[in-house]
All heavy atoms as atom14 arrays in JSON, in Angstrom:
{
  "sequence": "HLLGLHMHQPPDNLRLLIDSNDWEARQIMLC",
  "atom14_mask": [
    [1, 1, 1, 1, 1, 1, 1, 1, 1, 1, 0, 0, 0, 0],
    [1, 1, 1, 1, 1, 1, 1, 1, 0, 0, 0, 0, 0, 0],
    [1, 1, 1, 1, 1, 1, 1, 1, 0, 0, 0, 0, 0, 0],
    [1, 1, 1, 1, 0, 0, 0, 0, 0, 0, 0, 0, 0, 0],
    [1, 1, 1, 1, 1, 1, 1, 1, 0, 0, 0, 0, 0, 0],
    [1, 1, 1, 1, 1, 1, 1, 1, 1, 1, 0, 0, 0, 0],
    [1, 1, 1, 1, 1, 1, 1, 1, 0, 0, 0, 0, 0, 0],
    [1, 1, 1, 1, 1, 1, 1, 1, 1, 1, 0, 0, 0, 0],
    [1, 1, 1, 1, 1, 1, 1, 1, 1, 0, 0, 0, 0, 0],
    [1, 1, 1, 1, 1, 1, 1, 0, 0, 0, 0, 0, 0, 0],
    [1, 1, 1, 1, 1, 1, 1, 0, 0, 0, 0, 0, 0, 0],
    [1, 1, 1, 1, 1, 1, 1, 1, 0, 0, 0, 0, 0, 0],
    [1, 1, 1, 1, 1, 1, 1, 1, 0, 0, 0, 0, 0, 0],
    [1, 1, 1, 1, 1, 1, 1, 1, 0, 0, 0, 0, 0, 0],
    [1, 1, 1, 1, 1, 1, 1, 1, 1, 1, 1, 0, 0, 0],
    [1, 1, 1, 1, 1, 1, 1, 1, 0, 0, 0, 0, 0, 0],
    [1, 1, 1, 1, 1, 1, 1, 1, 0, 0, 0, 0, 0, 0],
    [1, 1, 1, 1, 1, 1, 1, 1, 0, 0, 0, 0, 0, 0],
    [1, 1, 1, 1, 1, 1, 1, 1, 0, 0, 0, 0, 0, 0],
    [1, 1, 1, 1, 1, 1, 0, 0, 0, 0, 0, 0, 0, 0],
    [1, 1, 1, 1, 1, 1, 1, 1, 0, 0, 0, 0, 0, 0],
    [1, 1, 1, 1, 1, 1, 1, 1, 0, 0, 0, 0, 0, 0],
    [1, 1, 1, 1, 1, 1, 1, 1, 1, 1, 1, 1, 1, 1],
    [1, 1, 1, 1, 1, 1, 1, 1, 1, 0, 0, 0, 0, 0],
    [1, 1, 1, 1, 1, 0, 0, 0, 0, 0, 0, 0, 0, 0],
    [1, 1, 1, 1, 1, 1, 1, 1, 1, 1, 1, 0, 0, 0],
    [1, 1, 1, 1, 1, 1, 1, 1, 1, 0, 0, 0, 0, 0],
    [1, 1, 1, 1, 1, 1, 1, 1, 0, 0, 0, 0, 0, 0],
    [1, 1, 1, 1, 1, 1, 1, 1, 0, 0, 0, 0, 0, 0],
    [1, 1, 1, 1, 1, 1, 1, 1, 0, 0, 0, 0, 0, 0],
    [1, 1, 1, 1, 1, 1, 0, 0, 0, 0, 0, 0, 0, 0]
  ],
  "atom14_positions": [
    [[-22.69, 4.7, 13.46], [-21.56, 3.79, 13.32], [-20.52, 4.51, 12.48], [-20.81, 5.0, 11.4], [-22.01, 2.51, 12.61], [-20.89, 1.57, 12.33], [-20.45, 0.66, 13.25], [-20.11, 1.41, 11.23], [-19.45, -0.03, 12.72], [-19.23, 0.41, 11.5], [0.0, 0.0, 0.0], [0.0, 0.0, 0.0], [0.0, 0.0, 0.0], [0.0, 0.0, 0.0]],
    [[-19.33, 4.6, 12.99], [-18.26, 5.26, 12.26], [-17.33, 4.21, 11.69], [-16.89, 3.31, 12.4], [-17.47, 6.16, 13.22], [-16.26, 6.83, 12.6], [-16.67, 8.18, 12.03], [-15.17, 7.0, 13.62], [0.0, 0.0, 0.0], [0.0, 0.0, 0.0], [0.0, 0.0, 0.0], [0.0, 0.0, 0.0], [0.0, 0.0, 0.0], [0.0, 0.0, 0.0]],
    [[-17.1, 4.28, 10.4], [-16.17, 3.38, 9.76], [-14.89, 4.17, 9.51], [-14.89, 5.15, 8.76], [-16.73, 2.86, 8.44], [-15.82, 1.93, 7.64], [-15.47, 0.68, 8.45], [-16.47, 1.54, 6.34], [0.0, 0.0, 0.0], [0.0, 0.0, 0.0], [0.0, 0.0, 0.0], [0.0, 0.0, 0.0], [0.0, 0.0, 0.0], [0.0, 0.0, 0.0]],
    [[-13.82, 3.78, 10.19], [-12.55, 4.49, 10.05], [-11.52, 3.66, 9.32], [-11.33, 2.48, 9.62], [0.0, 0.0, 0.0], [0.0, 0.0, 0.0], [0.0, 0.0, 0.0], [0.0, 0.0, 0.0], [0.0, 0.0, 0.0], [0.0, 0.0, 0.0], [0.0, 0.0, 0.0], [0.0, 0.0, 0.0], [0.0, 0.0, 0.0], [0.0, 0.0, 0.0]],
    [[-10.89, 4.24, 8.32], [-9.85, 3.58, 7.55], [-8.55, 4.36, 7.72], [-8.53, 5.58, 7.59], [-10.25, 3.5, 6.08], [-11.58, 2.79, 5.8], [-11.97, 2.95, 4.34], [-11.49, 1.33, 6.18], [0.0, 0.0, 0.0], [0.0, 0.0, 0.0], [0.0, 0.0, 0.0], [0.0, 0.0, 0.0], [0.0, 0.0, 0.0], [0.0, 0.0, 0.0]],
    [[-7.5, 3.64, 7.96], [-6.21, 4.22, 8.3], [-5.21, 3.81, 7.23], [-4.91, 2.63, 7.08], [-5.82, 3.67, 9.68], [-4.54, 4.14, 10.22], [-4.39, 5.37, 10.81], [-3.33, 3.55, 10.29], [-3.15, 5.51, 11.22], [-2.48, 4.41, 10.91], [0.0, 0.0, 0.0], [0.0, 0.0, 0.0], [0.0, 0.0, 0.0], [0.0, 0.0, 0.0]],
    [[-4.69, 4.78, 6.47], [-3.8, 4.49, 5.34], [-2.39, 5.0, 5.64], [-2.21, 6.17, 5.95], [-4.32, 5.19, 4.08], [-5.79, 5.04, 3.82], [-6.23, 3.37, 3.33], [-7.8, 3.67, 2.55], [0.0, 0.0, 0.0], [0.0, 0.0, 0.0], [0.0, 0.0, 0.0], [0.0, 0.0, 0.0], [0.0, 0.0, 0.0], [0.0, 0.0, 0.0]],
    [[-1.41, 4.12, 5.47], [-0.01, 4.52, 5.73], [0.94, 3.59, 4.99], [0.67, 2.41, 4.82], [0.29, 4.46, 7.23], [1.74, 4.59, 7.55], [2.43, 5.76, 7.35], [2.64, 3.7, 8.02], [3.7, 5.58, 7.69], [3.85, 4.34, 8.1], [0.0, 0.0, 0.0], [0.0, 0.0, 0.0], [0.0, 0.0, 0.0], [0.0, 0.0, 0.0]],
    [[2.05, 4.16, 4.55], [3.19, 3.39, 4.06], [4.45, 4.08, 4.57], [4.54, 5.31, 4.55], [3.24, 3.37, 2.53], [2.21, 2.5, 1.88], [2.4, 1.03, 2.19], [3.5, 0.51, 2.23], [1.29, 0.35, 2.43], [0.0, 0.0, 0.0], [0.0, 0.0, 0.0], [0.0, 0.0, 0.0], [0.0, 0.0, 0.0], [0.0, 0.0, 0.0]],
    [[5.44, 3.33, 5.03], [6.69, 3.95, 5.45], [7.37, 4.68, 4.29], [7.06, 4.43, 3.12], [7.54, 2.75, 5.89], [6.57, 1.66, 6.16], [5.42, 1.88, 5.22], [0.0, 0.0, 0.0], [0.0, 0.0, 0.0], [0.0, 0.0, 0.0], [0.0, 0.0, 0.0], [0.0, 0.0, 0.0], [0.0, 0.0, 0.0], [0.0, 0.0, 0.0]],
    [[8.3, 5.58, 4.6], [8.98, 6.33, 3.54], [9.55, 5.42, 2.46], [10.16, 4.4, 2.74], [10.11, 7.06, 4.29], [9.63, 7.16, 5.69], [8.79, 5.93, 5.93], [0.0, 0.0, 0.0], [0.0, 0.0, 0.0], [0.0, 0.0, 0.0], [0.0, 0.0, 0.0], [0.0, 0.0, 0.0], [0.0, 0.0, 0.0], [0.0, 0.0, 0.0]],
    [[9.29, 5.78, 1.21], [9.82, 5.12, 0.02], [9.31, 3.69, -0.19], [9.8, 2.97, -1.05], [11.36, 5.15, 0.02], [11.94, 5.14, -1.38], [11.3, 5.68, -2.31], [13.03, 4.56, -1.57], [0.0, 0.0, 0.0], [0.0, 0.0, 0.0], [0.0, 0.0, 0.0], [0.0, 0.0, 0.0], [0.0, 0.0, 0.0], [0.0, 0.0, 0.0]],
    [[8.32, 3.27, 0.6], [7.85, 1.89, 0.51], [7.07, 1.6, -0.76], [7.12, 0.48, -1.28], [7.02, 1.52, 1.74], [7.03, 0.03, 1.98], [8.09, -0.58, 2.07], [5.85, -0.55, 2.09], [0.0, 0.0, 0.0], [0.0, 0.0, 0.0], [0.0, 0.0, 0.0], [0.0, 0.0, 0.0], [0.0, 0.0, 0.0], [0.0, 0.0, 0.0]],
    [[6.34, 2.58, -1.3], [5.6, 2.32, -2.53], [6.55, 2.03, -3.69], [6.27, 1.18, -4.53], [4.69, 3.5, -2.87], [3.48, 3.67, -1.95], [2.66, 4.89, -2.37], [2.6, 2.43, -1.92], [0.0, 0.0, 0.0], [0.0, 0.0, 0.0], [0.0, 0.0, 0.0], [0.0, 0.0, 0.0], [0.0, 0.0, 0.0], [0.0, 0.0, 0.0]],
    [[7.68, 2.72, -3.74], [8.68, 2.44, -4.78], [9.27, 1.06, -4.57], [9.38, 0.27, -5.5], [9.8, 3.49, -4.78], [10.83, 3.25, -5.89], [12.16, 3.91, -5.62], [12.72, 3.58, -4.32], [13.34, 2.41, -4.03], [13.46, 1.47, -4.94], [13.84, 2.2, -2.83], [0.0, 0.0, 0.0], [0.0, 0.0, 0.0], [0.0, 0.0, 0.0]],
    [[9.62, 0.74, -3.32], [10.2, -0.56, -3.01], [9.24, -1.68, -3.41], [9.64, -2.68, -4.01], [10.53, -0.66, -1.52], [11.05, -1.98, -1.01], [12.42, -2.29, -1.61], [11.11, -2.0, 0.5], [0.0, 0.0, 0.0], [0.0, 0.0, 0.0], [0.0, 0.0, 0.0], [0.0, 0.0, 0.0], [0.0, 0.0, 0.0], [0.0, 0.0, 0.0]],
    [[7.96, -1.52, -3.1], [6.97, -2.55, -3.43], [6.85, -2.77, -4.93], [6.86, -3.91, -5.39], [5.61, -2.17, -2.86], [5.42, -2.41, -1.37], [4.13, -1.75, -0.9], [5.42, -3.88, -1.04], [0.0, 0.0, 0.0], [0.0, 0.0, 0.0], [0.0, 0.0, 0.0], [0.0, 0.0, 0.0], [0.0, 0.0, 0.0], [0.0, 0.0, 0.0]],
    [[6.72, -1.69, -5.69], [6.53, -1.85, -7.14], [7.78, -2.41, -7.79], [7.71, -3.1, -8.8], [6.07, -0.52, -7.8], [5.45, -0.76, -9.18], [7.19, 0.49, -7.88], [4.08, -1.32, -9.17], [0.0, 0.0, 0.0], [0.0, 0.0, 0.0], [0.0, 0.0, 0.0], [0.0, 0.0, 0.0], [0.0, 0.0, 0.0], [0.0, 0.0, 0.0]],
    [[8.96, -2.17, -7.2], [10.21, -2.71, -7.73], [10.43, -4.18, -7.36], [11.06, -4.91, -8.11], [11.42, -1.91, -7.2], [11.53, -0.54, -7.83], [10.87, -0.28, -8.85], [12.3, 0.29, -7.28], [0.0, 0.0, 0.0], [0.0, 0.0, 0.0], [0.0, 0.0, 0.0], [0.0, 0.0, 0.0], [0.0, 0.0, 0.0], [0.0, 0.0, 0.0]],
    [[9.86, -4.61, -6.21], [10.2, -5.95, -5.73], [9.04, -6.95, -5.7], [9.26, -8.14, -5.71], [10.81, -5.85, -4.33], [9.86, -5.32, -3.42], [0.0, 0.0, 0.0], [0.0, 0.0, 0.0], [0.0, 0.0, 0.0], [0.0, 0.0, 0.0], [0.0, 0.0, 0.0], [0.0, 0.0, 0.0], [0.0, 0.0, 0.0], [0.0, 0.0, 0.0]],
    [[7.8, -6.44, -5.62], [6.68, -7.35, -5.5], [5.45, -6.73, -6.16], [4.61, -6.12, -5.5], [6.41, -7.65, -4.02], [5.41, -8.76, -3.83], [4.57, -9.02, -4.69], [5.47, -9.43, -2.69], [0.0, 0.0, 0.0], [0.0, 0.0, 0.0], [0.0, 0.0, 0.0], [0.0, 0.0, 0.0], [0.0, 0.0, 0.0], [0.0, 0.0, 0.0]],
    [[5.37, -6.89, -7.45], [4.31, -6.27, -8.23], [2.92, -6.66, -7.73], [2.02, -5.83, -7.64], [4.47, -6.64, -9.71], [3.46, -5.94, -10.59], [3.53, -4.7, -10.66], [2.6, -6.63, -11.19], [0.0, 0.0, 0.0], [0.0, 0.0, 0.0], [0.0, 0.0, 0.0], [0.0, 0.0, 0.0], [0.0, 0.0, 0.0], [0.0, 0.0, 0.0]],
    [[2.71, -7.93, -7.38], [1.41, -8.38, -6.91], [1.0, -7.65, -5.63], [-0.11, -7.14, -5.51], [1.41, -9.89, -6.67], [0.07, -10.4, -6.24], [-0.95, -10.81, -7.06], [-0.41, -10.53, -4.9], [-2.05, -11.18, -6.29], [-1.74, -11.01, -4.97], [0.13, -10.28, -3.65], [-2.52, -11.25, -3.84], [-0.65, -10.51, -2.52], [-1.96, -11.0, -2.64]],
    [[1.91, -7.59, -4.66], [1.6, -6.91, -3.4], [1.37, -5.42, -3.62], [0.45, -4.84, -3.04], [2.73, -7.13, -2.39], [2.4, -6.61, -1.01], [3.43, -6.96, 0.03], [4.3, -7.82, -0.22], [3.38, -6.36, 1.1], [0.0, 0.0, 0.0], [0.0, 0.0, 0.0], [0.0, 0.0, 0.0], [0.0, 0.0, 0.0], [0.0, 0.0, 0.0]],
    [[2.2, -4.8, -4.45], [2.03, -3.37, -4.75], [0.64, -3.12, -5.33], [-0.04, -2.16, -4.97], [3.11, -2.92, -5.72], [0.0, 0.0, 0.0], [0.0, 0.0, 0.0], [0.0, 0.0, 0.0], [0.0, 0.0, 0.0], [0.0, 0.0, 0.0], [0.0, 0.0, 0.0], [0.0, 0.0, 0.0], [0.0, 0.0, 0.0], [0.0, 0.0, 0.0]],
    [[0.23, -3.98, -6.22], [-1.1, -3.86, -6.84], [-2.21, -3.97, -5.8], [-3.15, -3.17, -5.79], [-1.25, -4.95, -7.91], [-2.58, -4.98, -8.59], [-2.65, -6.08, -9.66], [-3.75, -5.85, -10.52], [-3.84, -4.95, -11.47], [-2.82, -4.16, -11.69], [-4.91, -4.8, -12.2], [0.0, 0.0, 0.0], [0.0, 0.0, 0.0], [0.0, 0.0, 0.0]],
    [[-2.11, -4.96, -4.92], [-3.15, -5.16, -3.9], [-3.24, -3.95, -2.97], [-4.34, -3.52, -2.61], [-2.88, -6.44, -3.09], [-2.82, -7.71, -3.92], [-3.96, -7.82, -4.91], [-5.12, -7.74, -4.53], [-3.63, -8.0, -6.18], [0.0, 0.0, 0.0], [0.0, 0.0, 0.0], [0.0, 0.0, 0.0], [0.0, 0.0, 0.0], [0.0, 0.0, 0.0]],
    [[-2.11, -3.42, -2.56], [-2.1, -2.27, -1.65], [-2.73, -1.06, -2.32], [-3.57, -0.37, -1.74], [-0.67, -1.99, -1.15], [-0.28, -3.08, -0.14], [-0.55, -0.6, -0.54], [1.15, -3.07, 0.28], [0.0, 0.0, 0.0], [0.0, 0.0, 0.0], [0.0, 0.0, 0.0], [0.0, 0.0, 0.0], [0.0, 0.0, 0.0], [0.0, 0.0, 0.0]],
    [[-2.36, -0.8, -3.56], [-2.91, 0.36, -4.25], [-4.41, 0.21, -4.47], [-5.16, 1.18, -4.34], [-2.18, 0.59, -5.57], [-2.42, 1.96, -6.14], [-2.0, 3.34, -5.03], [-0.23, 3.18, -4.91], [0.0, 0.0, 0.0], [0.0, 0.0, 0.0], [0.0, 0.0, 0.0], [0.0, 0.0, 0.0], [0.0, 0.0, 0.0], [0.0, 0.0, 0.0]],
    [[-4.85, -1.0, -4.77], [-6.29, -1.22, -4.93], [-7.03, -1.03, -3.6], [-8.18, -0.57, -3.59], [-6.57, -2.6, -5.51], [-6.15, -2.78, -6.97], [-6.29, -4.23, -7.41], [-6.91, -1.85, -7.9], [0.0, 0.0, 0.0], [0.0, 0.0, 0.0], [0.0, 0.0, 0.0], [0.0, 0.0, 0.0], [0.0, 0.0, 0.0], [0.0, 0.0, 0.0]],
    [[-6.37, -1.36, -2.49], [-6.98, -1.12, -1.17], [-7.18, 0.37, -0.92], [-8.14, 0.77, -0.26], [-6.11, -1.73, -0.07], [-6.24, -3.52, 0.04], [0.0, 0.0, 0.0], [0.0, 0.0, 0.0], [0.0, 0.0, 0.0], [0.0, 0.0, 0.0], [0.0, 0.0, 0.0], [0.0, 0.0, 0.0], [0.0, 0.0, 0.0], [0.0, 0.0, 0.0]]
  ]
}
């Protein structure tokens, strides 16, 4: 059984998230 995880964020999205939605940024980084 292969478990595949696919990680991506559009350009500059991590900065946008931490600037605009701290809760969502936190959840994504923990993922």
